[in-house]
Amino acid sequence: MTTTTRQWLLNGHPRGRGIEDGDFKLVETQLPAPGEGEMVLKTHYLGFDPAQKGWMENIADYVAPMSIGDVMRGSGICEVVESNGGKFAVGDLVFGTTGWTEYLVHNGEGLTKVDTALSPTAVLSVLGTTGLTAYCGLFKIGKPVAGDTVLVSGAAGATGSVVGQLAKIAGCRAVGIAGGREKCEWLVKEAGYDAAIDYKADDVKGQIKEHCPRGVDVIYDNVGGTILDDMLANIATGARVVICGGISRYESGGLPTGPGNYFNLIFRRASMAGFIVLDWASEFPAIRKRLEGFVKDGRLKYQEDIQQGFENAPETLQRLFVGKNRGKQMLKL
C-alpha cells in the first residue's frame, strides 16, 4: 500500500527574528511501504512548545541540528493504521516525536502507547513534556518545602500553570506572573494560585515585594529578560532559581544578556540552575502516574488550546509567541 501524505518542511532558520510564514514549506509526498518491523502511523494531534524555535535556529544543542528541507520536528499522537510486524498493533494510539506530517513510517523506537484514563490529548499536555517539565524543574531543581513561597513567570502557560498547582500540593504559597487580567483571574480562581501579577499592567517588582513579603524561596522562570531581573531582586536567603525557558527572547532571536541582579545570588546565598527534562526520562512513567493521580483527585487542573487543520500548523506555533494560547497548544488534524 502506497501512502500519500502532506508534510511541513523547515524552510528557514529564524535567527535574530520571529518566526515567519516563509520558514515552512508545505509539500506532498509518497511514503515507502513499511519494512520489516515498521508501521504506518496516522497523525491525529500535534503538540507545540516554545523550544521548537530553538530547534529551528539550531541554538538548542541537546537535540540534533535541523537542516532546510527536514520535516519540522515536533510531538504528536498517532494511530497505527498498518503494521509489518511492528512494535505496536493496528489501532493503537502512540505518542512521541513524530514531526509535522499527516502520515509517517516508523519502527516505534522512542514512541509510547497512550495509556491513560484521561483524554488521549493529556499525553501531550499535563502528562506530556509540559507536565513532566513542570514536575522535574520544580522538585528536582527547586526542591520546595512546605511553607516556601514559589514565584512562577509565564504562569498561565501550559508548564507554568502546572508548576503553581504542584507547589500548592507541596504545601507552598504560589504567586504567578502572567499577561492580562483574564489569565491572572484564571490563575487565582481555577489554578489555585494565591496571587497573580499582570506584567502588562502592574509594577512587577513592586507587586512581587507586596505578595512575597518574606522573599521568594523558589523562582521558576519561563520568561527571562526583565521579568527574571525583577524576580531576582526579591529572593530569600537560600533561594533556588529554576531556569526553564526564556520566551522573552524568542521574538528577537539571539540569546539574552545575563540578568543585572545576578549578584543577589551571592548576597542571599542562593543558587540558579537550568535543566533539560530528558535527564529524568527513566522516571517519566512514574511521574505520569503521579500527575494523573493529582488530576483524578481534583488537585491538578489543566488547559488545552486545540486548533484545527494541518494547514494551520505554522500559525498554531506562532500563537505561543504572541500570548494567544490558553494552556497547552495543540492542533487536531
C-alpha atoms as a PDB file:
ATOM      1  CA  MET A   1       0.000   0.000   0.000  1.00  0.00           C
ATOM      2  CA  THR A   2       1.373   3.401  -1.001  1.00  0.00           C
ATOM      3  CA  THR A   3       0.531   6.276   1.331  1.00  0.00           C
ATOM      4  CA  THR A   4       0.416   9.890   0.175  1.00  0.00           C
ATOM      5  CA  THR A   5       0.978  12.468   2.875  1.00  0.00           C
ATOM      6  CA  ARG A   6       1.355  16.192   3.333  1.00  0.00           C
ATOM      7  CA  GLN A   7       4.342  17.427   5.327  1.00  0.00           C
ATOM      8  CA  TRP A   8       5.588  20.756   6.601  1.00  0.00           C
ATOM      9  CA  LEU A   9       9.306  21.165   5.922  1.00  0.00           C
ATOM     10  CA  LEU A  10      11.736  23.595   7.525  1.00  0.00           C
ATOM     11  CA  ASN A  11      12.403  26.371   5.018  1.00  0.00           C
ATOM     12  CA  GLY A  12      14.283  28.942   7.109  1.00  0.00           C
ATOM     13  CA  HIS A  13      16.334  29.391  10.280  1.00  0.00           C
ATOM     14  CA  PRO A  14      14.655  32.267  12.190  1.00  0.00           C
ATOM     15  CA  ARG A  15      17.740  33.600  13.944  1.00  0.00           C
ATOM     16  CA  GLY A  16      17.527  37.164  15.210  1.00  0.00           C
ATOM     17  CA  ARG A  17      13.840  37.494  14.362  1.00  0.00           C
ATOM     18  CA  GLY A  18      10.432  35.998  14.947  1.00  0.00           C
ATOM     19  CA  ILE A  19       9.030  33.016  13.088  1.00  0.00           C
ATOM     20  CA  GLU A  20       7.667  33.895   9.652  1.00  0.00           C
ATOM     21  CA  ASP A  21       5.347  32.041   7.283  1.00  0.00           C
ATOM     22  CA  GLY A  22       8.210  31.529   4.859  1.00  0.00           C
ATOM     23  CA  ASP A  23      10.104  29.459   7.435  1.00  0.00           C
ATOM     24  CA  PHE A  24       7.925  26.491   6.467  1.00  0.00           C
ATOM     25  CA  LYS A  25       7.073  24.787   3.182  1.00  0.00           C
ATOM     26  CA  LEU A  26       4.048  22.537   2.659  1.00  0.00           C
ATOM     27  CA  VAL A  27       4.720  19.579   0.356  1.00  0.00           C
ATOM     28  CA  GLU A  28       3.007  16.361  -0.662  1.00  0.00           C
ATOM     29  CA  THR A  29       4.989  13.150  -0.932  1.00  0.00           C
ATOM     30  CA  GLN A  30       4.583   9.397  -1.102  1.00  0.00           C
ATOM     31  CA  LEU A  31       5.825   7.237   1.747  1.00  0.00           C
ATOM     32  CA  PRO A  32       7.518   3.886   1.145  1.00  0.00           C
ATOM     33  CA  ALA A  33       5.779   0.701   2.246  1.00  0.00           C
ATOM     34  CA  PRO A  34       6.710  -0.255   5.821  1.00  0.00           C
ATOM     35  CA  GLY A  35       9.704  -2.571   6.025  1.00  0.00           C
ATOM     36  CA  GLU A  36      10.059  -5.455   8.442  1.00  0.00           C
ATOM     37  CA  GLY A  37       9.271  -4.226  11.956  1.00  0.00           C
ATOM     38  CA  GLU A  38       7.849  -0.922  10.725  1.00  0.00           C
ATOM     39  CA  MET A  39       4.403   0.664  10.890  1.00  0.00           C
ATOM     40  CA  VAL A  40       2.399   3.321   9.079  1.00  0.00           C
ATOM     41  CA  LEU A  41       1.150   5.921  11.557  1.00  0.00           C
ATOM     42  CA  LYS A  42      -1.650   8.426  11.020  1.00  0.00           C
ATOM     43  CA  THR A  43      -1.234  11.665  12.983  1.00  0.00           C
ATOM     44  CA  HIS A  44      -4.289  12.859  14.914  1.00  0.00           C
ATOM     45  CA  TYR A  45      -2.778  15.632  17.045  1.00  0.00           C
ATOM     46  CA  LEU A  46       0.378  17.752  17.061  1.00  0.00           C
ATOM     47  CA  GLY A  47       1.816  19.418  20.153  1.00  0.00           C
ATOM     48  CA  PHE A  48       3.649  22.766  20.166  1.00  0.00           C
ATOM     49  CA  ASP A  49       6.333  24.113  22.501  1.00  0.00           C
ATOM     50  CA  PRO A  50       8.443  27.321  22.561  1.00  0.00           C
ATOM     51  CA  ALA A  51      11.565  25.135  22.369  1.00  0.00           C
ATOM     52  CA  GLN A  52      10.720  24.394  18.732  1.00  0.00           C
ATOM     53  CA  LYS A  53      12.014  27.814  17.734  1.00  0.00           C
ATOM     54  CA  GLY A  54      15.362  26.995  19.303  1.00  0.00           C
ATOM     55  CA  TRP A  55      15.392  23.760  17.295  1.00  0.00           C
ATOM     56  CA  MET A  56      14.703  25.727  14.111  1.00  0.00           C
ATOM     57  CA  GLU A  57      17.533  28.140  14.919  1.00  0.00           C
ATOM     58  CA  ASN A  58      19.885  25.267  15.797  1.00  0.00           C
ATOM     59  CA  ILE A  59      20.649  27.052  19.077  1.00  0.00           C
ATOM     60  CA  ALA A  60      19.493  24.114  21.206  1.00  0.00           C
ATOM     61  CA  ASP A  61      22.423  21.698  21.186  1.00  0.00           C
ATOM     62  CA  TYR A  62      20.707  18.958  23.212  1.00  0.00           C
ATOM     63  CA  VAL A  63      18.908  17.856  20.034  1.00  0.00           C
ATOM     64  CA  ALA A  64      20.276  17.156  16.555  1.00  0.00           C
ATOM     65  CA  PRO A  65      20.510  20.231  14.292  1.00  0.00           C
ATOM     66  CA  MET A  66      17.773  20.786  11.716  1.00  0.00           C
ATOM     67  CA  SER A  67      18.555  21.362   8.043  1.00  0.00           C
ATOM     68  CA  ILE A  68      16.482  23.157   5.424  1.00  0.00           C
ATOM     69  CA  GLY A  69      14.165  20.565   3.902  1.00  0.00           C
ATOM     70  CA  ASP A  70      13.793  18.466   7.076  1.00  0.00           C
ATOM     71  CA  VAL A  71      10.290  17.578   8.225  1.00  0.00           C
ATOM     72  CA  MET A  72       9.551  20.057  11.013  1.00  0.00           C
ATOM     73  CA  ARG A  73      10.289  18.404  14.344  1.00  0.00           C
ATOM     74  CA  GLY A  74       7.525  18.124  16.911  1.00  0.00           C
ATOM     75  CA  SER A  75       5.470  15.826  19.101  1.00  0.00           C
ATOM     76  CA  GLY A  76       2.302  14.056  18.056  1.00  0.00           C
ATOM     77  CA  ILE A  77      -0.353  11.485  18.840  1.00  0.00           C
ATOM     78  CA  CYS A  78      -0.692   8.904  16.062  1.00  0.00           C
ATOM     79  CA  GLU A  79      -2.764   5.824  15.285  1.00  0.00           C
ATOM     80  CA  VAL A  80      -1.169   2.679  13.909  1.00  0.00           C
ATOM     81  CA  VAL A  81      -3.018   2.050  10.613  1.00  0.00           C
ATOM     82  CA  GLU A  82      -0.690  -0.579   9.117  1.00  0.00           C
ATOM     83  CA  SER A  83       1.968  -2.821  10.620  1.00  0.00           C
ATOM     84  CA  ASN A  84       4.618  -5.113   9.188  1.00  0.00           C
ATOM     85  CA  GLY A  85       5.469  -6.893  12.423  1.00  0.00           C
ATOM     86  CA  GLY A  86       5.821  -3.562  14.215  1.00  0.00           C
ATOM     87  CA  LYS A  87       6.149  -2.814  17.912  1.00  0.00           C
ATOM     88  CA  PHE A  88       2.515  -1.728  18.259  1.00  0.00           C
ATOM     89  CA  ALA A  89      -0.755  -3.236  16.995  1.00  0.00           C
ATOM     90  CA  VAL A  90      -3.035  -1.742  14.361  1.00  0.00           C
ATOM     91  CA  GLY A  91      -5.456   0.581  16.146  1.00  0.00           C
ATOM     92  CA  ASP A  92      -3.067   1.503  18.952  1.00  0.00           C
ATOM     93  CA  LEU A  93      -2.575   5.195  19.750  1.00  0.00           C
ATOM     94  CA  VAL A  94       1.055   6.168  20.345  1.00  0.00           C
ATOM     95  CA  PHE A  95       2.847   9.424  21.110  1.00  0.00           C
ATOM     96  CA  GLY A  96       6.323  10.869  20.892  1.00  0.00           C
ATOM     97  CA  THR A  97       8.441  12.840  18.433  1.00  0.00           C
ATOM     98  CA  THR A  98       6.716  12.293  15.092  1.00  0.00           C
ATOM     99  CA  GLY A  99       7.086  15.575  13.171  1.00  0.00           C
ATOM    100  CA  TRP A 100       4.686  17.717  11.189  1.00  0.00           C
ATOM    101  CA  THR A 101       3.354  15.062   8.843  1.00  0.00           C
ATOM    102  CA  GLU A 102      -0.075  13.540   8.286  1.00  0.00           C
ATOM    103  CA  TYR A 103       1.345  10.013   7.938  1.00  0.00           C
ATOM    104  CA  LEU A 104       4.759   8.530   8.645  1.00  0.00           C
ATOM    105  CA  VAL A 105       6.585   5.208   8.554  1.00  0.00           C
ATOM    106  CA  HIS A 106       8.163   4.405  11.930  1.00  0.00           C
ATOM    107  CA  ASN A 107       9.811   1.492  13.741  1.00  0.00           C
ATOM    108  CA  GLY A 108       8.283   2.509  17.077  1.00  0.00           C
ATOM    109  CA  GLU A 109      11.544   3.353  18.845  1.00  0.00           C
ATOM    110  CA  GLY A 110      11.056   6.307  21.182  1.00  0.00           C
ATOM    111  CA  LEU A 111       7.261   6.114  20.960  1.00  0.00           C
ATOM    112  CA  THR A 112       4.954   5.243  23.873  1.00  0.00           C
ATOM    113  CA  LYS A 113       1.494   3.705  23.789  1.00  0.00           C
ATOM    114  CA  VAL A 114      -1.245   6.026  25.003  1.00  0.00           C
ATOM    115  CA  ASP A 115      -2.396   4.520  28.301  1.00  0.00           C
ATOM    116  CA  THR A 116      -4.438   6.899  30.422  1.00  0.00           C
ATOM    117  CA  ALA A 117      -7.935   7.230  31.819  1.00  0.00           C
ATOM    118  CA  LEU A 118      -7.804  10.921  30.878  1.00  0.00           C
ATOM    119  CA  SER A 119      -8.395  12.286  27.378  1.00  0.00           C
ATOM    120  CA  PRO A 120      -5.719  10.950  24.991  1.00  0.00           C
ATOM    121  CA  THR A 121      -4.563  14.537  24.415  1.00  0.00           C
ATOM    122  CA  ALA A 122      -3.354  14.630  28.033  1.00  0.00           C
ATOM    123  CA  VAL A 123      -0.216  12.752  26.926  1.00  0.00           C
ATOM    124  CA  LEU A 124       0.835  15.928  25.077  1.00  0.00           C
ATOM    125  CA  SER A 125      -0.161  18.293  27.884  1.00  0.00           C
ATOM    126  CA  VAL A 126      -0.357  17.541  31.604  1.00  0.00           C
ATOM    127  CA  LEU A 127       1.142  14.042  31.153  1.00  0.00           C
ATOM    128  CA  GLY A 128       3.469  15.131  28.350  1.00  0.00           C
ATOM    129  CA  THR A 129       6.544  17.309  28.109  1.00  0.00           C
ATOM    130  CA  THR A 130       4.840  20.285  29.747  1.00  0.00           C
ATOM    131  CA  GLY A 131       3.681  18.407  32.843  1.00  0.00           C
ATOM    132  CA  LEU A 132       6.941  16.484  33.128  1.00  0.00           C
ATOM    133  CA  THR A 133       8.943  19.699  32.770  1.00  0.00           C
ATOM    134  CA  ALA A 134       6.884  21.381  35.476  1.00  0.00           C
ATOM    135  CA  TYR A 135       7.354  18.451  37.850  1.00  0.00           C
ATOM    136  CA  CYS A 136      11.073  17.843  37.271  1.00  0.00           C
ATOM    137  CA  GLY A 137      12.050  21.501  37.285  1.00  0.00           C
ATOM    138  CA  LEU A 138      10.160  22.211  40.491  1.00  0.00           C
ATOM    139  CA  PHE A 139      11.049  19.128  42.509  1.00  0.00           C
ATOM    140  CA  LYS A 140      14.461  18.159  41.130  1.00  0.00           C
ATOM    141  CA  ILE A 141      15.896  21.692  40.917  1.00  0.00           C
ATOM    142  CA  GLY A 142      13.628  23.919  43.022  1.00  0.00           C
ATOM    143  CA  LYS A 143      13.288  21.440  45.906  1.00  0.00           C
ATOM    144  CA  PRO A 144      10.377  23.233  47.603  1.00  0.00           C
ATOM    145  CA  VAL A 145       9.419  22.503  51.194  1.00  0.00           C
ATOM    146  CA  ALA A 146       6.116  23.250  52.897  1.00  0.00           C
ATOM    147  CA  GLY A 147       5.804  26.934  53.712  1.00  0.00           C
ATOM    148  CA  ASP A 148       8.049  28.128  50.870  1.00  0.00           C
ATOM    149  CA  THR A 149       6.970  30.916  48.536  1.00  0.00           C
ATOM    150  CA  VAL A 150       7.181  29.830  44.884  1.00  0.00           C
ATOM    151  CA  LEU A 151       7.132  32.521  42.187  1.00  0.00           C
ATOM    152  CA  VAL A 152       6.417  31.461  38.596  1.00  0.00           C
ATOM    153  CA  SER A 153       6.803  33.526  35.426  1.00  0.00           C
ATOM    154  CA  GLY A 154       4.775  32.561  32.370  1.00  0.00           C
ATOM    155  CA  ALA A 155       2.412  31.180  34.979  1.00  0.00           C
ATOM    156  CA  ALA A 156      -0.648  30.853  32.732  1.00  0.00           C
ATOM    157  CA  GLY A 157       1.228  28.778  30.168  1.00  0.00           C
ATOM    158  CA  ALA A 158       0.961  25.009  29.924  1.00  0.00           C
ATOM    159  CA  THR A 159       4.032  24.434  32.103  1.00  0.00           C
ATOM    160  CA  GLY A 160       3.711  27.397  34.448  1.00  0.00           C
ATOM    161  CA  SER A 161       0.112  26.642  35.389  1.00  0.00           C
ATOM    162  CA  VAL A 162       1.098  23.128  36.459  1.00  0.00           C
ATOM    163  CA  VAL A 163       4.111  24.386  38.451  1.00  0.00           C
ATOM    164  CA  GLY A 164       1.963  26.562  40.704  1.00  0.00           C
ATOM    165  CA  GLN A 165      -0.514  23.786  41.391  1.00  0.00           C
ATOM    166  CA  LEU A 166       2.264  21.327  42.215  1.00  0.00           C
ATOM    167  CA  ALA A 167       3.706  23.926  44.576  1.00  0.00           C
ATOM    168  CA  LYS A 168       0.344  24.160  46.346  1.00  0.00           C
ATOM    169  CA  ILE A 169       0.174  20.361  46.602  1.00  0.00           C
ATOM    170  CA  ALA A 170       3.609  20.522  48.261  1.00  0.00           C
ATOM    171  CA  GLY A 171       2.253  22.967  50.857  1.00  0.00           C
ATOM    172  CA  CYS A 172       3.779  26.127  49.396  1.00  0.00           C
ATOM    173  CA  ARG A 173       2.462  29.609  48.659  1.00  0.00           C
ATOM    174  CA  ALA A 174       2.247  30.134  44.881  1.00  0.00           C
ATOM    175  CA  VAL A 175       2.470  33.515  43.133  1.00  0.00           C
ATOM    176  CA  GLY A 176       2.246  33.737  39.345  1.00  0.00           C
ATOM    177  CA  ILE A 177       3.215  36.342  36.754  1.00  0.00           C
ATOM    178  CA  ALA A 178       1.136  36.378  33.555  1.00  0.00           C
ATOM    179  CA  GLY A 179      -0.006  38.750  30.830  1.00  0.00           C
ATOM    180  CA  GLY A 180      -3.520  40.135  31.068  1.00  0.00           C
ATOM    181  CA  ARG A 181      -6.388  40.290  33.564  1.00  0.00           C
ATOM    182  CA  GLU A 182      -8.111  37.187  32.153  1.00  0.00           C
ATOM    183  CA  LYS A 183      -5.047  34.972  32.621  1.00  0.00           C
ATOM    184  CA  CYS A 184      -4.420  36.306  36.107  1.00  0.00           C
ATOM    185  CA  GLU A 185      -8.017  35.667  37.160  1.00  0.00           C
ATOM    186  CA  TRP A 186      -7.791  32.091  35.864  1.00  0.00           C
ATOM    187  CA  LEU A 187      -4.617  31.515  37.867  1.00  0.00           C
ATOM    188  CA  VAL A 188      -6.271  32.510  41.141  1.00  0.00           C
ATOM    189  CA  LYS A 189      -9.820  31.219  40.609  1.00  0.00           C
ATOM    190  CA  GLU A 190      -9.128  27.985  38.731  1.00  0.00           C
ATOM    191  CA  ALA A 191      -5.474  27.024  39.152  1.00  0.00           C
ATOM    192  CA  GLY A 192      -5.421  27.886  42.855  1.00  0.00           C
ATOM    193  CA  TYR A 193      -2.548  30.390  42.846  1.00  0.00           C
ATOM    194  CA  ASP A 194      -2.513  32.578  45.968  1.00  0.00           C
ATOM    195  CA  ALA A 195      -1.850  35.707  43.905  1.00  0.00           C
ATOM    196  CA  ALA A 196      -1.225  36.726  40.299  1.00  0.00           C
ATOM    197  CA  ILE A 197       0.704  39.674  38.875  1.00  0.00           C
ATOM    198  CA  ASP A 198      -0.224  41.136  35.484  1.00  0.00           C
ATOM    199  CA  TYR A 199       3.085  42.167  33.924  1.00  0.00           C
ATOM    200  CA  LYS A 200       1.207  44.180  31.302  1.00  0.00           C
ATOM    201  CA  ALA A 201      -0.480  46.426  33.878  1.00  0.00           C
ATOM    202  CA  ASP A 202       1.293  46.100  37.230  1.00  0.00           C
ATOM    203  CA  ASP A 203       4.574  47.293  38.682  1.00  0.00           C
ATOM    204  CA  VAL A 204       6.078  43.809  38.630  1.00  0.00           C
ATOM    205  CA  LYS A 205       8.915  44.427  41.078  1.00  0.00           C
ATOM    206  CA  GLY A 206       6.609  46.257  43.497  1.00  0.00           C
ATOM    207  CA  GLN A 207       3.924  43.576  43.260  1.00  0.00           C
ATOM    208  CA  ILE A 208       6.455  40.807  43.886  1.00  0.00           C
ATOM    209  CA  LYS A 209       7.553  42.562  47.049  1.00  0.00           C
ATOM    210  CA  GLU A 210       3.929  43.011  48.141  1.00  0.00           C
ATOM    211  CA  HIS A 211       2.880  39.398  47.516  1.00  0.00           C
ATOM    212  CA  CYS A 212       6.170  37.860  48.716  1.00  0.00           C
ATOM    213  CA  PRO A 213       6.959  39.928  51.840  1.00  0.00           C
ATOM    214  CA  ARG A 214       9.404  37.308  53.212  1.00  0.00           C
ATOM    215  CA  GLY A 215      11.137  36.970  49.873  1.00  0.00           C
ATOM    216  CA  VAL A 216      10.916  34.237  47.244  1.00  0.00           C
ATOM    217  CA  ASP A 217      12.225  30.794  48.127  1.00  0.00           C
ATOM    218  CA  VAL A 218      11.802  29.196  44.687  1.00  0.00           C
ATOM    219  CA  ILE A 219      11.722  31.004  41.338  1.00  0.00           C
ATOM    220  CA  TYR A 220      10.515  29.018  38.338  1.00  0.00           C
ATOM    221  CA  ASP A 221      11.364  31.130  35.302  1.00  0.00           C
ATOM    222  CA  ASN A 222       9.848  30.549  31.862  1.00  0.00           C
ATOM    223  CA  VAL A 223      10.430  34.072  30.539  1.00  0.00           C
ATOM    224  CA  GLY A 224      13.880  35.546  31.226  1.00  0.00           C
ATOM    225  CA  GLY A 225      14.728  39.174  30.471  1.00  0.00           C
ATOM    226  CA  THR A 226      13.497  41.957  32.720  1.00  0.00           C
ATOM    227  CA  ILE A 227      10.956  39.693  34.438  1.00  0.00           C
ATOM    228  CA  LEU A 228      13.753  37.440  35.687  1.00  0.00           C
ATOM    229  CA  ASP A 229      15.648  40.506  36.867  1.00  0.00           C
ATOM    230  CA  ASP A 230      12.625  41.694  38.861  1.00  0.00           C
ATOM    231  CA  MET A 231      12.216  38.269  40.452  1.00  0.00           C
ATOM    232  CA  LEU A 232      15.882  38.037  41.442  1.00  0.00           C
ATOM    233  CA  ALA A 233      15.554  41.375  43.229  1.00  0.00           C
ATOM    234  CA  ASN A 234      13.378  39.790  45.914  1.00  0.00           C
ATOM    235  CA  ILE A 235      14.827  36.334  46.589  1.00  0.00           C
ATOM    236  CA  ALA A 236      15.055  34.956  50.115  1.00  0.00           C
ATOM    237  CA  THR A 237      18.199  33.600  51.729  1.00  0.00           C
ATOM    238  CA  GLY A 238      18.929  30.147  50.326  1.00  0.00           C
ATOM    239  CA  ALA A 239      16.586  30.602  47.351  1.00  0.00           C
ATOM    240  CA  ARG A 240      16.638  28.207  44.398  1.00  0.00           C
ATOM    241  CA  VAL A 241      16.182  29.717  40.936  1.00  0.00           C
ATOM    242  CA  VAL A 242      14.976  27.285  38.270  1.00  0.00           C
ATOM    243  CA  ILE A 243      15.663  28.355  34.679  1.00  0.00           C
ATOM    244  CA  CYS A 244      13.220  26.524  32.428  1.00  0.00           C
ATOM    245  CA  GLY A 245      12.914  28.786  29.380  1.00  0.00           C
ATOM    246  CA  GLY A 246      13.186  32.298  28.047  1.00  0.00           C
ATOM    247  CA  ILE A 247      10.197  33.078  25.871  1.00  0.00           C
ATOM    248  CA  SER A 248      11.047  36.781  26.036  1.00  0.00           C
ATOM    249  CA  ARG A 249      13.988  36.155  23.694  1.00  0.00           C
ATOM    250  CA  TYR A 250      12.182  34.155  21.014  1.00  0.00           C
ATOM    251  CA  GLU A 251      10.851  37.085  19.035  1.00  0.00           C
ATOM    252  CA  SER A 252      14.185  38.894  18.954  1.00  0.00           C
ATOM    253  CA  GLY A 253      16.272  35.789  18.328  1.00  0.00           C
ATOM    254  CA  GLY A 254      19.764  35.575  19.907  1.00  0.00           C
ATOM    255  CA  LEU A 255      20.462  34.624  23.456  1.00  0.00           C
ATOM    256  CA  PRO A 256      19.694  37.247  26.132  1.00  0.00           C
ATOM    257  CA  THR A 257      22.307  39.008  28.221  1.00  0.00           C
ATOM    258  CA  GLY A 258      22.659  37.897  31.830  1.00  0.00           C
ATOM    259  CA  PRO A 259      20.366  39.404  34.489  1.00  0.00           C
ATOM    260  CA  GLY A 260      21.560  42.586  36.122  1.00  0.00           C
ATOM    261  CA  ASN A 261      20.507  41.375  39.572  1.00  0.00           C
ATOM    262  CA  TYR A 262      22.502  38.132  39.429  1.00  0.00           C
ATOM    263  CA  PHE A 263      24.782  39.330  42.248  1.00  0.00           C
ATOM    264  CA  ASN A 264      21.821  38.936  44.576  1.00  0.00           C
ATOM    265  CA  LEU A 265      22.556  35.204  44.360  1.00  0.00           C
ATOM    266  CA  ILE A 266      25.675  35.928  46.410  1.00  0.00           C
ATOM    267  CA  PHE A 267      24.004  38.246  48.893  1.00  0.00           C
ATOM    268  CA  ARG A 268      21.234  35.692  49.524  1.00  0.00           C
ATOM    269  CA  ARG A 269      23.452  32.585  49.258  1.00  0.00           C
ATOM    270  CA  ALA A 270      21.118  31.377  46.533  1.00  0.00           C
ATOM    271  CA  SER A 271      21.555  29.046  43.564  1.00  0.00           C
ATOM    272  CA  MET A 272      20.410  29.247  39.954  1.00  0.00           C
ATOM    273  CA  ALA A 273      20.323  26.255  37.609  1.00  0.00           C
ATOM    274  CA  GLY A 274      18.969  25.297  34.233  1.00  0.00           C
ATOM    275  CA  PHE A 275      17.819  21.828  33.241  1.00  0.00           C
ATOM    276  CA  ILE A 276      16.693  19.617  30.383  1.00  0.00           C
ATOM    277  CA  VAL A 277      13.757  17.400  31.305  1.00  0.00           C
ATOM    278  CA  LEU A 278      15.132  14.480  29.277  1.00  0.00           C
ATOM    279  CA  ASP A 279      17.691  13.957  32.044  1.00  0.00           C
ATOM    280  CA  TRP A 280      14.960  12.204  34.057  1.00  0.00           C
ATOM    281  CA  ALA A 281      13.438  10.169  31.208  1.00  0.00           C
ATOM    282  CA  SER A 282      13.751   6.942  33.189  1.00  0.00           C
ATOM    283  CA  GLU A 283      11.345   8.391  35.772  1.00  0.00           C
ATOM    284  CA  PHE A 284       8.704   9.578  33.294  1.00  0.00           C
ATOM    285  CA  PRO A 285       6.308   6.600  33.687  1.00  0.00           C
ATOM    286  CA  ALA A 286       6.195   7.014  37.471  1.00  0.00           C
ATOM    287  CA  ILE A 287       5.835  10.804  37.238  1.00  0.00           C
ATOM    288  CA  ARG A 288       2.980  10.451  34.715  1.00  0.00           C
ATOM    289  CA  LYS A 289       1.128   8.169  37.128  1.00  0.00           C
ATOM    290  CA  ARG A 290       1.564  10.684  39.920  1.00  0.00           C
ATOM    291  CA  LEU A 291       0.373  13.590  37.760  1.00  0.00           C
ATOM    292  CA  GLU A 292      -2.641  11.590  36.565  1.00  0.00           C
ATOM    293  CA  GLY A 293      -3.499  10.850  40.179  1.00  0.00           C
ATOM    294  CA  PHE A 294      -3.433  14.566  41.014  1.00  0.00           C
ATOM    295  CA  VAL A 295      -5.813  15.248  38.105  1.00  0.00           C
ATOM    296  CA  LYS A 296      -8.188  12.463  39.129  1.00  0.00           C
ATOM    297  CA  ASP A 297      -8.437  13.637  42.736  1.00  0.00           C
ATOM    298  CA  GLY A 298      -9.105  17.213  41.624  1.00  0.00           C
ATOM    299  CA  ARG A 299      -5.859  18.785  42.838  1.00  0.00           C
ATOM    300  CA  LEU A 300      -4.453  19.476  39.378  1.00  0.00           C
ATOM    301  CA  LYS A 301      -6.291  21.250  36.562  1.00  0.00           C
ATOM    302  CA  TYR A 302      -5.004  21.828  33.059  1.00  0.00           C
ATOM    303  CA  GLN A 303      -5.987  23.680  29.918  1.00  0.00           C
ATOM    304  CA  GLU A 304      -5.654  22.606  26.309  1.00  0.00           C
ATOM    305  CA  ASP A 305      -5.851  25.015  23.362  1.00  0.00           C
ATOM    306  CA  ILE A 306      -6.658  22.860  20.329  1.00  0.00           C
ATOM    307  CA  GLN A 307      -6.623  24.481  16.894  1.00  0.00           C
ATOM    308  CA  GLN A 308      -7.907  22.717  13.768  1.00  0.00           C
ATOM    309  CA  GLY A 309      -6.419  21.747  10.402  1.00  0.00           C
ATOM    310  CA  PHE A 310      -2.954  20.540   9.327  1.00  0.00           C
ATOM    311  CA  GLU A 311      -2.542  23.551   7.029  1.00  0.00           C
ATOM    312  CA  ASN A 312      -2.606  25.777  10.137  1.00  0.00           C
ATOM    313  CA  ALA A 313       0.460  24.251  11.819  1.00  0.00           C
ATOM    314  CA  PRO A 314       2.787  27.275  11.318  1.00  0.00           C
ATOM    315  CA  GLU A 315       0.160  29.720  12.582  1.00  0.00           C
ATOM    316  CA  THR A 316      -0.508  27.474  15.583  1.00  0.00           C
ATOM    317  CA  LEU A 317       3.173  27.505  16.567  1.00  0.00           C
ATOM    318  CA  GLN A 318       3.258  31.295  16.255  1.00  0.00           C
ATOM    319  CA  ARG A 319       0.394  31.583  18.773  1.00  0.00           C
ATOM    320  CA  LEU A 320       2.855  30.671  21.532  1.00  0.00           C
ATOM    321  CA  PHE A 321       4.955  33.770  20.959  1.00  0.00           C
ATOM    322  CA  VAL A 322       2.148  36.333  20.996  1.00  0.00           C
ATOM    323  CA  GLY A 323       0.344  35.003  24.067  1.00  0.00           C
ATOM    324  CA  LYS A 324      -2.745  33.704  22.233  1.00  0.00           C
ATOM    325  CA  ASN A 325      -2.690  30.190  23.657  1.00  0.00           C
ATOM    326  CA  ARG A 326      -4.602  29.167  26.779  1.00  0.00           C
ATOM    327  CA  GLY A 327      -2.726  26.216  28.182  1.00  0.00           C
ATOM    328  CA  LYS A 328      -1.047  23.536  26.091  1.00  0.00           C
ATOM    329  CA  GLN A 329      -1.063  24.448  22.411  1.00  0.00           C
ATOM    330  CA  MET A 330      -2.143  21.624  20.112  1.00  0.00           C
ATOM    331  CA  LEU A 331      -3.517  21.074  16.640  1.00  0.00           C
ATOM    332  CA  LYS A 332      -6.087  18.482  15.615  1.00  0.00           C
ATOM    333  CA  LEU A 333      -5.570  17.194  12.114  1.00  0.00           C
END
